[in-house]
N, C-alpha and C. Protein backbone atom coordinates (compact mmCIF):
# COMPACT_ATOMS: atom_id res chain seq x y z
N UNK A 1 -76.56 -90.84 -97.63
CA UNK A 1 -75.52 -90.35 -98.52
C UNK A 1 -74.34 -89.88 -97.66
N UNK A 2 -73.14 -90.40 -97.96
CA UNK A 2 -71.94 -90.07 -97.22
C UNK A 2 -71.24 -88.91 -97.90
N UNK A 3 -70.79 -87.95 -97.08
CA UNK A 3 -70.07 -86.80 -97.61
C UNK A 3 -68.58 -87.06 -97.49
N UNK A 4 -67.83 -86.91 -98.57
CA UNK A 4 -66.39 -87.14 -98.56
C UNK A 4 -65.66 -85.84 -98.28
N UNK A 5 -64.62 -85.92 -97.50
CA UNK A 5 -63.79 -84.77 -97.18
C UNK A 5 -62.44 -84.95 -97.88
N UNK A 6 -61.96 -83.89 -98.50
CA UNK A 6 -60.67 -83.96 -99.18
C UNK A 6 -59.57 -83.84 -98.13
N UNK A 7 -58.71 -84.88 -98.01
CA UNK A 7 -57.63 -84.89 -97.03
C UNK A 7 -56.31 -84.46 -97.64
N UNK A 8 -56.04 -84.86 -98.84
CA UNK A 8 -54.83 -84.44 -99.52
C UNK A 8 -55.19 -84.16 -100.97
N UNK A 9 -54.31 -83.56 -101.68
CA UNK A 9 -54.61 -83.13 -103.04
C UNK A 9 -55.13 -84.30 -103.86
N UNK A 10 -56.37 -84.15 -104.33
CA UNK A 10 -56.96 -85.13 -105.22
C UNK A 10 -57.44 -86.42 -104.55
N UNK A 11 -57.41 -86.51 -103.23
CA UNK A 11 -57.85 -87.75 -102.55
C UNK A 11 -58.94 -87.42 -101.53
N UNK A 12 -59.89 -88.32 -101.42
CA UNK A 12 -60.93 -88.17 -100.41
C UNK A 12 -60.65 -89.13 -99.27
N UNK A 13 -61.37 -88.96 -98.15
CA UNK A 13 -61.19 -89.83 -97.00
C UNK A 13 -61.44 -91.29 -97.39
N UNK A 14 -62.46 -91.54 -98.21
CA UNK A 14 -62.76 -92.91 -98.65
C UNK A 14 -61.57 -93.52 -99.40
N UNK A 15 -60.92 -92.73 -100.23
CA UNK A 15 -59.76 -93.21 -100.97
C UNK A 15 -58.57 -93.41 -100.04
N UNK A 16 -58.39 -92.51 -99.08
CA UNK A 16 -57.26 -92.60 -98.14
C UNK A 16 -57.37 -93.87 -97.30
N UNK A 17 -58.55 -94.23 -96.85
CA UNK A 17 -58.73 -95.41 -95.99
C UNK A 17 -58.41 -96.70 -96.72
N UNK A 18 -58.65 -96.75 -98.02
CA UNK A 18 -58.39 -97.96 -98.79
C UNK A 18 -56.96 -98.07 -99.28
N UNK A 19 -56.14 -97.04 -99.03
CA UNK A 19 -54.78 -97.03 -99.55
C UNK A 19 -53.81 -97.57 -98.52
N UNK A 20 -52.78 -98.21 -99.00
CA UNK A 20 -51.70 -98.60 -98.10
C UNK A 20 -50.49 -97.75 -98.46
N UNK A 21 -49.81 -97.25 -97.45
CA UNK A 21 -48.65 -96.40 -97.66
C UNK A 21 -47.42 -97.31 -97.75
N UNK A 22 -46.62 -97.11 -98.80
CA UNK A 22 -45.42 -97.92 -98.96
C UNK A 22 -44.24 -97.01 -99.27
N UNK A 23 -43.16 -97.18 -98.53
CA UNK A 23 -41.95 -96.42 -98.79
C UNK A 23 -41.13 -97.10 -99.86
N UNK A 24 -40.06 -96.44 -100.25
CA UNK A 24 -39.15 -97.01 -101.24
C UNK A 24 -38.43 -98.20 -100.62
N UNK A 25 -38.12 -99.22 -101.40
CA UNK A 25 -37.37 -100.36 -100.87
C UNK A 25 -36.01 -99.90 -100.35
N UNK A 26 -35.52 -100.60 -99.36
CA UNK A 26 -34.23 -100.29 -98.78
C UNK A 26 -33.12 -100.53 -99.80
N UNK A 27 -32.11 -99.68 -99.80
CA UNK A 27 -30.96 -99.78 -100.69
C UNK A 27 -31.32 -99.78 -102.17
N UNK A 28 -32.36 -99.04 -102.54
CA UNK A 28 -32.76 -98.96 -103.95
C UNK A 28 -31.72 -98.14 -104.71
N UNK A 29 -31.40 -98.58 -105.91
CA UNK A 29 -30.44 -97.89 -106.78
C UNK A 29 -31.17 -97.52 -108.07
N UNK A 30 -31.25 -96.22 -108.33
CA UNK A 30 -32.00 -95.72 -109.48
C UNK A 30 -31.05 -95.40 -110.64
N UNK A 31 -31.42 -95.75 -111.88
CA UNK A 31 -30.56 -95.43 -113.02
C UNK A 31 -30.39 -93.92 -113.17
N UNK A 32 -29.20 -93.48 -113.58
CA UNK A 32 -28.91 -92.05 -113.75
C UNK A 32 -28.03 -91.84 -114.97
N UNK A 33 -28.15 -90.67 -115.58
CA UNK A 33 -27.35 -90.31 -116.74
C UNK A 33 -26.12 -89.53 -116.29
N UNK A 34 -24.95 -89.94 -116.74
CA UNK A 34 -23.70 -89.28 -116.37
C UNK A 34 -23.72 -87.80 -116.73
N UNK A 35 -24.17 -87.45 -117.94
CA UNK A 35 -24.14 -86.07 -118.40
C UNK A 35 -25.06 -85.15 -117.59
N UNK A 36 -26.11 -85.68 -117.00
CA UNK A 36 -26.99 -84.86 -116.17
C UNK A 36 -26.35 -84.56 -114.81
N UNK A 37 -25.63 -85.53 -114.26
CA UNK A 37 -25.00 -85.35 -112.95
C UNK A 37 -23.67 -84.60 -113.04
N UNK A 38 -22.96 -84.78 -114.14
CA UNK A 38 -21.64 -84.16 -114.32
C UNK A 38 -21.56 -83.49 -115.69
N UNK A 39 -22.24 -82.35 -115.86
CA UNK A 39 -22.28 -81.71 -117.18
C UNK A 39 -20.91 -81.24 -117.69
N UNK A 40 -19.96 -81.00 -116.79
CA UNK A 40 -18.62 -80.58 -117.20
C UNK A 40 -17.61 -81.71 -117.08
N UNK A 41 -18.08 -82.93 -116.89
CA UNK A 41 -17.21 -84.08 -116.79
C UNK A 41 -16.77 -84.38 -115.37
N UNK A 42 -15.92 -85.39 -115.24
CA UNK A 42 -15.41 -85.84 -113.95
C UNK A 42 -13.94 -86.19 -114.15
N UNK A 43 -13.09 -85.85 -113.17
CA UNK A 43 -11.64 -86.00 -113.33
C UNK A 43 -11.06 -86.80 -112.18
N UNK A 44 -10.33 -87.86 -112.51
CA UNK A 44 -9.67 -88.69 -111.51
C UNK A 44 -8.46 -87.95 -110.96
N UNK A 45 -8.38 -87.87 -109.63
CA UNK A 45 -7.26 -87.23 -108.94
C UNK A 45 -6.56 -88.34 -108.16
N UNK A 46 -5.33 -88.65 -108.49
CA UNK A 46 -4.63 -89.73 -107.79
C UNK A 46 -4.86 -91.07 -108.44
N UNK A 47 -4.84 -92.11 -107.61
CA UNK A 47 -4.92 -93.49 -108.11
C UNK A 47 -6.15 -94.21 -107.57
N UNK A 48 -6.47 -95.33 -108.19
CA UNK A 48 -7.53 -96.23 -107.73
C UNK A 48 -6.87 -97.22 -106.77
N UNK A 49 -7.46 -97.40 -105.57
CA UNK A 49 -6.89 -98.30 -104.57
C UNK A 49 -7.95 -99.29 -104.07
N UNK A 50 -7.54 -100.47 -103.59
CA UNK A 50 -8.50 -101.43 -103.03
C UNK A 50 -9.08 -100.91 -101.72
N UNK A 51 -10.35 -101.25 -101.46
CA UNK A 51 -11.01 -100.90 -100.20
C UNK A 51 -10.92 -102.11 -99.29
N UNK A 52 -10.41 -101.91 -98.09
CA UNK A 52 -10.25 -103.02 -97.15
C UNK A 52 -11.25 -102.90 -96.00
N UNK A 53 -11.62 -104.04 -95.40
CA UNK A 53 -12.51 -104.04 -94.25
C UNK A 53 -11.80 -103.44 -93.05
N UNK A 54 -12.59 -102.91 -92.12
CA UNK A 54 -12.03 -102.34 -90.90
C UNK A 54 -11.37 -103.44 -90.09
N UNK A 55 -10.23 -103.13 -89.52
CA UNK A 55 -9.52 -104.10 -88.68
C UNK A 55 -9.31 -103.47 -87.30
N UNK A 56 -9.88 -104.08 -86.28
CA UNK A 56 -9.76 -103.56 -84.91
C UNK A 56 -8.37 -103.81 -84.36
N UNK A 57 -8.07 -103.16 -83.25
CA UNK A 57 -6.77 -103.35 -82.58
C UNK A 57 -6.62 -104.81 -82.15
N UNK A 58 -7.73 -105.43 -81.74
CA UNK A 58 -7.70 -106.84 -81.34
C UNK A 58 -7.35 -107.73 -82.53
N UNK A 59 -7.93 -107.43 -83.70
CA UNK A 59 -7.63 -108.20 -84.91
C UNK A 59 -6.16 -108.05 -85.30
N UNK A 60 -5.64 -106.82 -85.18
CA UNK A 60 -4.24 -106.57 -85.50
C UNK A 60 -3.32 -107.33 -84.54
N UNK A 61 -3.69 -107.34 -83.25
CA UNK A 61 -2.88 -108.03 -82.25
C UNK A 61 -2.84 -109.53 -82.51
N UNK A 62 -3.91 -110.06 -83.06
CA UNK A 62 -3.98 -111.50 -83.35
C UNK A 62 -3.45 -111.83 -84.75
N UNK A 63 -2.90 -110.83 -85.43
CA UNK A 63 -2.34 -110.99 -86.78
C UNK A 63 -3.34 -111.55 -87.78
N UNK A 64 -4.60 -111.13 -87.65
CA UNK A 64 -5.61 -111.56 -88.62
C UNK A 64 -5.39 -110.79 -89.92
N UNK A 65 -5.51 -111.45 -91.05
CA UNK A 65 -5.28 -110.76 -92.33
C UNK A 65 -6.38 -109.73 -92.61
N UNK A 66 -6.00 -108.67 -93.28
CA UNK A 66 -6.96 -107.65 -93.69
C UNK A 66 -7.65 -108.17 -94.95
N UNK A 67 -8.97 -108.16 -94.94
CA UNK A 67 -9.73 -108.68 -96.08
C UNK A 67 -10.27 -107.54 -96.93
N UNK A 68 -10.34 -107.75 -98.25
CA UNK A 68 -10.94 -106.73 -99.10
C UNK A 68 -12.44 -106.64 -98.86
N UNK A 69 -12.97 -105.42 -98.89
CA UNK A 69 -14.41 -105.21 -98.73
C UNK A 69 -15.11 -105.53 -100.04
N UNK A 70 -16.35 -106.02 -99.96
CA UNK A 70 -17.10 -106.38 -101.15
C UNK A 70 -18.40 -105.58 -101.23
N UNK A 71 -18.91 -105.43 -102.45
CA UNK A 71 -20.18 -104.74 -102.70
C UNK A 71 -21.32 -105.63 -102.23
N UNK A 72 -22.29 -105.05 -101.52
CA UNK A 72 -23.41 -105.82 -100.98
C UNK A 72 -24.28 -106.43 -102.07
N UNK A 73 -24.48 -105.71 -103.17
CA UNK A 73 -25.38 -106.19 -104.22
C UNK A 73 -24.74 -107.23 -105.13
N UNK A 74 -23.46 -107.03 -105.49
CA UNK A 74 -22.83 -107.93 -106.47
C UNK A 74 -21.87 -108.93 -105.86
N UNK A 75 -21.36 -108.65 -104.66
CA UNK A 75 -20.37 -109.53 -104.04
C UNK A 75 -18.96 -109.35 -104.60
N UNK A 76 -18.77 -108.38 -105.48
CA UNK A 76 -17.45 -108.13 -106.09
C UNK A 76 -16.60 -107.24 -105.18
N UNK A 77 -15.26 -107.37 -105.27
CA UNK A 77 -14.39 -106.51 -104.45
C UNK A 77 -14.55 -105.04 -104.82
N UNK A 78 -14.33 -104.16 -103.83
CA UNK A 78 -14.46 -102.72 -104.04
C UNK A 78 -13.10 -102.05 -104.20
N UNK A 79 -13.05 -101.06 -105.08
CA UNK A 79 -11.87 -100.23 -105.30
C UNK A 79 -12.32 -98.78 -105.20
N UNK A 80 -11.44 -97.90 -104.74
CA UNK A 80 -11.83 -96.51 -104.49
C UNK A 80 -10.90 -95.53 -105.18
N UNK A 81 -11.48 -94.43 -105.64
CA UNK A 81 -10.71 -93.34 -106.22
C UNK A 81 -11.35 -92.02 -105.87
N UNK A 82 -10.56 -90.95 -105.91
CA UNK A 82 -11.08 -89.61 -105.65
C UNK A 82 -11.17 -88.87 -106.97
N UNK A 83 -12.30 -88.21 -107.19
CA UNK A 83 -12.57 -87.50 -108.43
C UNK A 83 -12.90 -86.05 -108.14
N UNK A 84 -12.69 -85.18 -109.11
CA UNK A 84 -13.04 -83.76 -109.00
C UNK A 84 -14.19 -83.46 -109.96
N UNK A 85 -15.18 -82.72 -109.46
CA UNK A 85 -16.33 -82.31 -110.26
C UNK A 85 -16.26 -80.80 -110.48
N UNK A 86 -15.86 -80.34 -111.67
CA UNK A 86 -15.72 -78.90 -111.90
C UNK A 86 -17.05 -78.14 -111.89
N UNK A 87 -18.17 -78.82 -112.06
CA UNK A 87 -19.47 -78.16 -112.08
C UNK A 87 -20.08 -78.01 -110.68
N UNK A 88 -19.44 -78.56 -109.65
CA UNK A 88 -19.99 -78.51 -108.30
C UNK A 88 -20.09 -77.07 -107.81
N UNK A 89 -21.23 -76.74 -107.20
CA UNK A 89 -21.46 -75.39 -106.71
C UNK A 89 -20.94 -75.19 -105.29
N UNK A 90 -20.94 -76.25 -104.50
CA UNK A 90 -20.51 -76.15 -103.10
C UNK A 90 -19.16 -76.84 -102.93
N UNK A 91 -18.36 -76.33 -102.01
CA UNK A 91 -17.04 -76.91 -101.77
C UNK A 91 -17.11 -78.38 -101.40
N UNK A 92 -18.12 -78.78 -100.61
CA UNK A 92 -18.20 -80.18 -100.18
C UNK A 92 -18.55 -81.13 -101.32
N UNK A 93 -19.02 -80.57 -102.45
CA UNK A 93 -19.36 -81.40 -103.60
C UNK A 93 -18.24 -81.51 -104.62
N UNK A 94 -17.17 -80.74 -104.46
CA UNK A 94 -16.11 -80.70 -105.47
C UNK A 94 -15.25 -81.96 -105.47
N UNK A 95 -15.00 -82.54 -104.32
CA UNK A 95 -14.26 -83.80 -104.24
C UNK A 95 -15.26 -84.94 -104.09
N UNK A 96 -15.17 -85.91 -104.98
CA UNK A 96 -16.11 -87.02 -105.03
C UNK A 96 -15.34 -88.32 -104.86
N UNK A 97 -15.73 -89.13 -103.88
CA UNK A 97 -15.12 -90.44 -103.70
C UNK A 97 -15.94 -91.46 -104.45
N UNK A 98 -15.30 -92.23 -105.30
CA UNK A 98 -15.99 -93.22 -106.14
C UNK A 98 -15.50 -94.61 -105.77
N UNK A 99 -16.43 -95.52 -105.56
CA UNK A 99 -16.08 -96.92 -105.29
C UNK A 99 -16.51 -97.77 -106.47
N UNK A 100 -15.59 -98.56 -106.98
CA UNK A 100 -15.85 -99.46 -108.09
C UNK A 100 -16.00 -100.88 -107.56
N UNK A 101 -17.00 -101.59 -107.99
CA UNK A 101 -17.15 -103.01 -107.67
C UNK A 101 -16.87 -103.80 -108.94
N UNK A 102 -15.73 -104.47 -108.97
CA UNK A 102 -15.36 -105.24 -110.16
C UNK A 102 -14.37 -106.33 -109.77
N UNK A 103 -14.25 -107.32 -110.62
CA UNK A 103 -13.40 -108.47 -110.33
C UNK A 103 -11.92 -108.08 -110.26
N UNK A 104 -11.49 -107.13 -111.10
CA UNK A 104 -10.09 -106.67 -111.10
C UNK A 104 -10.06 -105.15 -110.90
N UNK A 105 -8.94 -104.67 -110.41
CA UNK A 105 -8.79 -103.24 -110.19
C UNK A 105 -8.96 -102.48 -111.50
N UNK A 106 -9.84 -101.47 -111.54
CA UNK A 106 -10.06 -100.73 -112.78
C UNK A 106 -8.82 -99.95 -113.22
N UNK A 107 -8.65 -99.86 -114.53
CA UNK A 107 -7.54 -99.11 -115.11
C UNK A 107 -8.13 -97.83 -115.69
N UNK A 108 -7.70 -96.66 -115.18
CA UNK A 108 -8.25 -95.41 -115.71
C UNK A 108 -7.75 -95.13 -117.11
N UNK A 109 -8.42 -94.24 -117.84
CA UNK A 109 -7.96 -93.86 -119.18
C UNK A 109 -6.57 -93.24 -119.11
N UNK A 110 -5.90 -93.18 -120.24
CA UNK A 110 -4.56 -92.59 -120.31
C UNK A 110 -4.60 -91.13 -119.90
N UNK A 111 -3.52 -90.69 -119.24
CA UNK A 111 -3.41 -89.31 -118.82
C UNK A 111 -2.99 -88.45 -120.00
N UNK A 112 -3.60 -87.28 -120.12
CA UNK A 112 -3.24 -86.35 -121.19
C UNK A 112 -2.00 -85.59 -120.75
N UNK A 113 -1.01 -85.51 -121.61
CA UNK A 113 0.26 -84.85 -121.28
C UNK A 113 0.03 -83.42 -120.81
N UNK A 114 0.69 -83.08 -119.71
CA UNK A 114 0.61 -81.73 -119.16
C UNK A 114 -0.54 -81.48 -118.21
N UNK A 115 -1.45 -82.45 -118.05
CA UNK A 115 -2.58 -82.29 -117.14
C UNK A 115 -2.42 -83.23 -115.94
N UNK A 116 -2.70 -82.75 -114.72
CA UNK A 116 -2.55 -83.60 -113.54
C UNK A 116 -3.74 -84.54 -113.32
N UNK A 117 -4.83 -84.35 -114.06
CA UNK A 117 -6.04 -85.15 -113.87
C UNK A 117 -6.33 -86.00 -115.10
N UNK A 118 -7.11 -87.04 -114.89
CA UNK A 118 -7.57 -87.89 -116.00
C UNK A 118 -9.07 -87.73 -116.14
N UNK A 119 -9.53 -87.31 -117.30
CA UNK A 119 -10.95 -87.13 -117.55
C UNK A 119 -11.60 -88.50 -117.77
N UNK A 120 -12.71 -88.76 -117.08
CA UNK A 120 -13.40 -90.05 -117.19
C UNK A 120 -14.90 -89.83 -117.35
N UNK A 121 -15.56 -90.84 -117.90
CA UNK A 121 -17.01 -90.92 -117.99
C UNK A 121 -17.42 -92.20 -117.29
N UNK A 122 -18.35 -92.12 -116.34
CA UNK A 122 -18.83 -93.30 -115.62
C UNK A 122 -19.90 -94.00 -116.45
N UNK A 123 -19.84 -95.32 -116.50
CA UNK A 123 -20.80 -96.12 -117.25
C UNK A 123 -21.74 -96.84 -116.30
N UNK A 124 -22.97 -97.08 -116.76
CA UNK A 124 -23.94 -97.82 -115.96
C UNK A 124 -24.22 -97.16 -114.61
N UNK A 125 -24.32 -95.86 -114.60
CA UNK A 125 -24.43 -95.11 -113.36
C UNK A 125 -25.80 -95.27 -112.70
N UNK A 126 -25.78 -95.40 -111.38
CA UNK A 126 -27.01 -95.43 -110.58
C UNK A 126 -26.82 -94.48 -109.40
N UNK A 127 -27.94 -94.02 -108.83
CA UNK A 127 -27.90 -93.16 -107.65
C UNK A 127 -28.75 -93.77 -106.55
N UNK A 128 -28.36 -93.49 -105.30
CA UNK A 128 -29.09 -93.99 -104.15
C UNK A 128 -29.15 -92.87 -103.12
N UNK A 129 -30.36 -92.47 -102.70
CA UNK A 129 -30.46 -91.40 -101.70
C UNK A 129 -30.08 -91.90 -100.31
N UNK A 130 -29.48 -91.00 -99.53
CA UNK A 130 -29.12 -91.32 -98.15
C UNK A 130 -29.29 -90.05 -97.32
N UNK A 131 -29.93 -90.16 -96.17
CA UNK A 131 -30.13 -89.01 -95.29
C UNK A 131 -28.86 -88.75 -94.49
N UNK A 132 -28.46 -87.49 -94.41
CA UNK A 132 -27.31 -87.07 -93.61
C UNK A 132 -27.78 -86.07 -92.57
N UNK A 133 -27.14 -86.06 -91.42
CA UNK A 133 -27.46 -85.09 -90.39
C UNK A 133 -26.18 -84.56 -89.76
N UNK A 134 -26.26 -83.33 -89.30
CA UNK A 134 -25.17 -82.72 -88.55
C UNK A 134 -25.84 -81.77 -87.57
N UNK A 135 -25.90 -82.19 -86.32
CA UNK A 135 -26.66 -81.41 -85.33
C UNK A 135 -28.12 -81.48 -85.71
N UNK A 136 -28.73 -80.32 -85.90
CA UNK A 136 -30.14 -80.29 -86.29
C UNK A 136 -30.32 -80.15 -87.80
N UNK A 137 -29.24 -79.91 -88.52
CA UNK A 137 -29.32 -79.78 -89.98
C UNK A 137 -29.47 -81.16 -90.61
N UNK A 138 -30.33 -81.25 -91.61
CA UNK A 138 -30.56 -82.51 -92.32
C UNK A 138 -30.56 -82.23 -93.82
N UNK A 139 -30.01 -83.17 -94.59
CA UNK A 139 -30.01 -83.04 -96.04
C UNK A 139 -29.90 -84.42 -96.66
N UNK A 140 -30.12 -84.48 -97.97
CA UNK A 140 -30.01 -85.73 -98.72
C UNK A 140 -28.64 -85.79 -99.38
N UNK A 141 -27.96 -86.90 -99.21
CA UNK A 141 -26.71 -87.18 -99.89
C UNK A 141 -27.00 -88.27 -100.92
N UNK A 142 -26.44 -88.13 -102.10
CA UNK A 142 -26.64 -89.13 -103.14
C UNK A 142 -25.39 -89.99 -103.26
N UNK A 143 -25.55 -91.29 -103.12
CA UNK A 143 -24.47 -92.23 -103.37
C UNK A 143 -24.61 -92.64 -104.83
N UNK A 144 -23.56 -92.39 -105.60
CA UNK A 144 -23.62 -92.69 -107.02
C UNK A 144 -22.68 -93.85 -107.32
N UNK A 145 -23.18 -94.80 -108.05
CA UNK A 145 -22.40 -95.97 -108.44
C UNK A 145 -22.43 -96.10 -109.95
N UNK A 146 -21.45 -96.79 -110.48
CA UNK A 146 -21.43 -97.08 -111.92
C UNK A 146 -20.76 -98.43 -112.14
N UNK A 147 -20.93 -98.97 -113.31
CA UNK A 147 -20.38 -100.29 -113.61
C UNK A 147 -19.01 -100.23 -114.26
N UNK A 148 -18.53 -99.05 -114.61
CA UNK A 148 -17.22 -98.92 -115.23
C UNK A 148 -16.90 -97.48 -115.53
N UNK A 149 -15.76 -97.27 -116.19
CA UNK A 149 -15.37 -95.92 -116.61
C UNK A 149 -14.64 -96.00 -117.94
N UNK A 150 -14.67 -94.88 -118.66
CA UNK A 150 -13.98 -94.79 -119.95
C UNK A 150 -13.54 -93.34 -120.15
N UNK A 151 -12.74 -93.12 -121.16
CA UNK A 151 -12.34 -91.77 -121.54
C UNK A 151 -13.53 -91.10 -122.23
N UNK A 152 -13.68 -89.79 -122.10
CA UNK A 152 -14.78 -89.10 -122.80
C UNK A 152 -14.70 -89.34 -124.30
N UNK A 153 -15.80 -89.78 -124.88
CA UNK A 153 -15.84 -90.06 -126.31
C UNK A 153 -15.04 -91.28 -126.70
N UNK A 154 -14.53 -92.02 -125.72
CA UNK A 154 -13.67 -93.16 -125.99
C UNK A 154 -14.34 -94.49 -125.72
N UNK A 155 -13.51 -95.51 -125.74
CA UNK A 155 -13.94 -96.88 -125.51
C UNK A 155 -13.73 -97.21 -124.04
N UNK A 156 -14.54 -98.12 -123.51
CA UNK A 156 -14.43 -98.52 -122.12
C UNK A 156 -13.04 -99.08 -121.83
N UNK A 157 -12.58 -98.87 -120.58
CA UNK A 157 -11.27 -99.40 -120.19
C UNK A 157 -11.30 -100.92 -120.20
N UNK A 158 -10.14 -101.60 -120.33
CA UNK A 158 -10.12 -103.05 -120.46
C UNK A 158 -10.74 -103.79 -119.28
N UNK A 159 -10.75 -103.21 -118.09
CA UNK A 159 -11.33 -103.91 -116.94
C UNK A 159 -12.76 -103.49 -116.68
N UNK A 160 -13.34 -102.67 -117.55
CA UNK A 160 -14.72 -102.25 -117.36
C UNK A 160 -15.62 -103.47 -117.51
N UNK A 161 -16.46 -103.71 -116.52
CA UNK A 161 -17.34 -104.89 -116.53
C UNK A 161 -18.79 -104.44 -116.48
N UNK A 162 -19.19 -103.58 -117.39
CA UNK A 162 -20.49 -102.96 -117.36
C UNK A 162 -21.64 -103.96 -117.39
N UNK A 163 -21.52 -105.04 -118.10
CA UNK A 163 -22.65 -105.97 -118.19
C UNK A 163 -22.61 -107.05 -117.12
N UNK A 164 -21.43 -107.49 -116.68
CA UNK A 164 -21.38 -108.59 -115.72
C UNK A 164 -21.72 -108.15 -114.31
N UNK A 165 -21.38 -106.94 -113.92
CA UNK A 165 -21.64 -106.51 -112.55
C UNK A 165 -23.02 -105.91 -112.38
N UNK A 166 -23.63 -105.44 -113.48
CA UNK A 166 -24.91 -104.75 -113.36
C UNK A 166 -26.03 -105.77 -113.18
N UNK A 167 -26.72 -105.66 -112.08
CA UNK A 167 -27.86 -106.52 -111.82
C UNK A 167 -29.09 -105.63 -111.77
N UNK A 168 -30.20 -106.17 -111.33
CA UNK A 168 -31.44 -105.44 -111.24
C UNK A 168 -31.28 -104.16 -110.43
N UNK A 169 -30.46 -104.19 -109.39
CA UNK A 169 -30.29 -103.02 -108.55
C UNK A 169 -29.14 -102.15 -109.02
N UNK A 170 -28.33 -102.59 -109.94
CA UNK A 170 -27.17 -101.83 -110.40
C UNK A 170 -26.05 -101.94 -109.39
N UNK A 171 -24.82 -101.86 -109.84
CA UNK A 171 -23.72 -101.94 -108.90
C UNK A 171 -22.55 -101.14 -109.37
N UNK A 172 -21.63 -101.05 -108.60
CA UNK A 172 -20.24 -100.85 -108.83
C UNK A 172 -19.64 -99.63 -108.23
N UNK A 173 -19.59 -98.49 -108.84
CA UNK A 173 -18.85 -97.44 -108.22
C UNK A 173 -19.77 -96.66 -107.32
N UNK A 174 -19.19 -96.19 -106.28
CA UNK A 174 -20.01 -95.41 -105.37
C UNK A 174 -19.29 -94.14 -105.05
N UNK A 175 -20.01 -93.10 -105.09
CA UNK A 175 -19.44 -91.88 -104.57
C UNK A 175 -20.59 -91.10 -104.00
N UNK A 176 -20.29 -90.23 -103.12
CA UNK A 176 -21.31 -89.45 -102.48
C UNK A 176 -21.34 -88.06 -103.07
N UNK A 177 -22.52 -87.60 -103.35
CA UNK A 177 -22.69 -86.25 -103.86
C UNK A 177 -23.80 -85.62 -103.04
N UNK A 178 -23.50 -84.58 -102.36
CA UNK A 178 -24.50 -83.91 -101.52
C UNK A 178 -25.41 -83.07 -102.39
N UNK A 179 -26.67 -83.11 -102.08
CA UNK A 179 -27.65 -82.28 -102.75
C UNK A 179 -28.41 -81.53 -101.67
N UNK A 180 -28.07 -80.33 -101.44
CA UNK A 180 -28.72 -79.57 -100.37
C UNK A 180 -29.53 -78.42 -100.91
């Protein structure tokens, strides 16, 4: 008769030996709810601009054209905007950079008169964990993407491509949100 030893909660050595350890797939994008991540909403600060690939001094000297950067999952061009999160507890979480992957540059909702920001809701949102380090400090940063944006309680913007860009892994906007 073999005696089993408990190695971890609820598992015996016999069970541990027969198990294979598997980590999460690389670049996994998990579905997320906008209202859970941004309970007080999200506000566009400034404009949406195209994201371009890095160009070295050698490339500039040879007059090579600057190419637009594309999303790895969808192959669509990337556009970037800066957003403000009023519910953020830490200063580093208040400014959020969002990258949109779509065929055309996204058009934000109309600006409300007298306000410097545009309130938006991200559609088709996904999150992706990423490890960050600074010296010996380590924390998880969340890259958040979405397939489009719209006004709160409104209709999606005309360039929102929520169904065409969303694949099994999800795509489109990316922004980093630190969770420490």
